[in-house]
């Protein structure tokens, strides 16, 4: 890489609500692999602040996304 990867801004600032009512971590999640919560079962804020989402944000801030859904993301590496 030409530079160190940056933390993904979208997981810090955007909620991606899918047509099935689930909150996804990413706008690239067409297949539903990165679901952070089902908004039919919990509130948006519960999903947004879920441990799963917090752990993903922490991994980005530490610049170590190995083992997360973001590991192979081309947007993260550009």
C-alpha atoms as a PDB file:
ATOM      1  CA  UNK A   1       0.000   0.000   0.000  1.00  0.00           C
ATOM      2  CA  UNK A   2       1.115   3.533  -0.648  1.00  0.00           C
ATOM      3  CA  UNK A   3      -0.066   4.655   2.778  1.00  0.00           C
ATOM      4  CA  UNK A   4      -1.355   3.118   5.969  1.00  0.00           C
ATOM      5  CA  UNK A   5      -5.040   2.233   5.762  1.00  0.00           C
ATOM      6  CA  UNK A   6      -7.380   4.772   7.299  1.00  0.00           C
ATOM      7  CA  UNK A   7     -10.245   3.919   9.613  1.00  0.00           C
ATOM      8  CA  UNK A   8     -13.466   3.508   7.659  1.00  0.00           C
ATOM      9  CA  UNK A   9     -15.476   6.695   8.083  1.00  0.00           C
ATOM     10  CA  UNK A  10     -18.750   5.019   7.156  1.00  0.00           C
ATOM     11  CA  UNK A  11     -18.857   2.758  10.243  1.00  0.00           C
ATOM     12  CA  UNK A  12     -18.368   5.858  12.396  1.00  0.00           C
ATOM     13  CA  UNK A  13     -20.936   8.141  10.753  1.00  0.00           C
ATOM     14  CA  UNK A  14     -23.501   6.255   8.657  1.00  0.00           C
ATOM     15  CA  UNK A  15     -26.210   3.741   9.356  1.00  0.00           C
ATOM     16  CA  UNK A  16     -26.952   1.460   6.431  1.00  0.00           C
ATOM     17  CA  UNK A  17     -30.466   0.120   6.863  1.00  0.00           C
ATOM     18  CA  UNK A  18     -31.225  -2.659   4.430  1.00  0.00           C
ATOM     19  CA  UNK A  19     -34.628  -3.306   2.857  1.00  0.00           C
ATOM     20  CA  UNK A  20     -35.034  -6.302   5.192  1.00  0.00           C
ATOM     21  CA  UNK A  21     -34.821  -4.009   8.242  1.00  0.00           C
ATOM     22  CA  UNK A  22     -31.292  -4.946   9.286  1.00  0.00           C
ATOM     23  CA  UNK A  23     -28.535  -2.472  10.088  1.00  0.00           C
ATOM     24  CA  UNK A  24     -25.412  -3.255   8.109  1.00  0.00           C
ATOM     25  CA  UNK A  25     -21.892  -2.025   8.794  1.00  0.00           C
ATOM     26  CA  UNK A  26     -21.288  -1.236   5.142  1.00  0.00           C
ATOM     27  CA  UNK A  27     -22.881   0.162   2.005  1.00  0.00           C
ATOM     28  CA  UNK A  28     -21.151  -2.645   0.059  1.00  0.00           C
ATOM     29  CA  UNK A  29     -23.114  -5.301   1.964  1.00  0.00           C
ATOM     30  CA  UNK A  30     -25.487  -6.501  -0.759  1.00  0.00           C
ATOM     31  CA  UNK A  31     -25.382 -10.078   0.552  1.00  0.00           C
ATOM     32  CA  UNK A  32     -26.121  -9.284   4.211  1.00  0.00           C
ATOM     33  CA  UNK A  33     -22.807 -10.553   5.557  1.00  0.00           C
ATOM     34  CA  UNK A  34     -22.121  -7.552   7.821  1.00  0.00           C
ATOM     35  CA  UNK A  35     -25.352  -7.242   9.796  1.00  0.00           C
ATOM     36  CA  UNK A  36     -24.929  -5.414  13.106  1.00  0.00           C
ATOM     37  CA  UNK A  37     -28.520  -5.787  14.246  1.00  0.00           C
ATOM     38  CA  UNK A  38     -32.071  -6.559  13.169  1.00  0.00           C
ATOM     39  CA  UNK A  39     -34.143  -3.393  13.587  1.00  0.00           C
ATOM     40  CA  UNK A  40     -37.324  -5.451  13.736  1.00  0.00           C
ATOM     41  CA  UNK A  41     -36.028  -6.819  17.057  1.00  0.00           C
ATOM     42  CA  UNK A  42     -33.928  -3.995  18.552  1.00  0.00           C
ATOM     43  CA  UNK A  43     -33.775  -0.211  18.198  1.00  0.00           C
ATOM     44  CA  UNK A  44     -31.435   1.554  15.814  1.00  0.00           C
ATOM     45  CA  UNK A  45     -29.400   2.908  18.735  1.00  0.00           C
ATOM     46  CA  UNK A  46     -29.071  -0.557  20.278  1.00  0.00           C
ATOM     47  CA  UNK A  47     -27.742  -1.904  16.974  1.00  0.00           C
ATOM     48  CA  UNK A  48     -25.532   1.166  16.391  1.00  0.00           C
ATOM     49  CA  UNK A  49     -23.987   0.795  19.847  1.00  0.00           C
ATOM     50  CA  UNK A  50     -23.890  -3.009  19.861  1.00  0.00           C
ATOM     51  CA  UNK A  51     -20.749  -4.786  20.997  1.00  0.00           C
ATOM     52  CA  UNK A  52     -20.331  -6.152  17.480  1.00  0.00           C
ATOM     53  CA  UNK A  53     -20.283  -2.628  16.006  1.00  0.00           C
ATOM     54  CA  UNK A  54     -18.049  -1.289  18.803  1.00  0.00           C
ATOM     55  CA  UNK A  55     -15.533  -4.083  18.225  1.00  0.00           C
ATOM     56  CA  UNK A  56     -15.452  -3.340  14.487  1.00  0.00           C
ATOM     57  CA  UNK A  57     -14.918   0.392  15.091  1.00  0.00           C
ATOM     58  CA  UNK A  58     -12.154  -0.353  17.600  1.00  0.00           C
ATOM     59  CA  UNK A  59     -10.396  -2.597  15.066  1.00  0.00           C
ATOM     60  CA  UNK A  60     -10.448   0.261  12.557  1.00  0.00           C
ATOM     61  CA  UNK A  61      -9.148   2.813  15.044  1.00  0.00           C
ATOM     62  CA  UNK A  62      -6.322   0.425  15.924  1.00  0.00           C
ATOM     63  CA  UNK A  63      -5.683  -0.076  12.173  1.00  0.00           C
ATOM     64  CA  UNK A  64      -5.955  -3.828  12.570  1.00  0.00           C
ATOM     65  CA  UNK A  65      -8.971  -5.206  10.709  1.00  0.00           C
ATOM     66  CA  UNK A  66      -7.499  -8.691  10.338  1.00  0.00           C
ATOM     67  CA  UNK A  67     -10.206 -11.235  11.013  1.00  0.00           C
ATOM     68  CA  UNK A  68     -13.064  -8.745  10.513  1.00  0.00           C
ATOM     69  CA  UNK A  69     -15.501  -8.406   7.633  1.00  0.00           C
ATOM     70  CA  UNK A  70     -13.448  -5.406   6.463  1.00  0.00           C
ATOM     71  CA  UNK A  71     -10.183  -7.302   6.007  1.00  0.00           C
ATOM     72  CA  UNK A  72     -10.520  -7.716   2.237  1.00  0.00           C
ATOM     73  CA  UNK A  73     -12.325  -4.456   1.484  1.00  0.00           C
ATOM     74  CA  UNK A  74     -10.823  -2.560  -1.437  1.00  0.00           C
ATOM     75  CA  UNK A  75     -12.192   0.750  -0.138  1.00  0.00           C
ATOM     76  CA  UNK A  76     -10.315   0.285   3.145  1.00  0.00           C
ATOM     77  CA  UNK A  77      -7.054  -0.427   1.359  1.00  0.00           C
ATOM     78  CA  UNK A  78      -7.209   2.422  -1.183  1.00  0.00           C
END
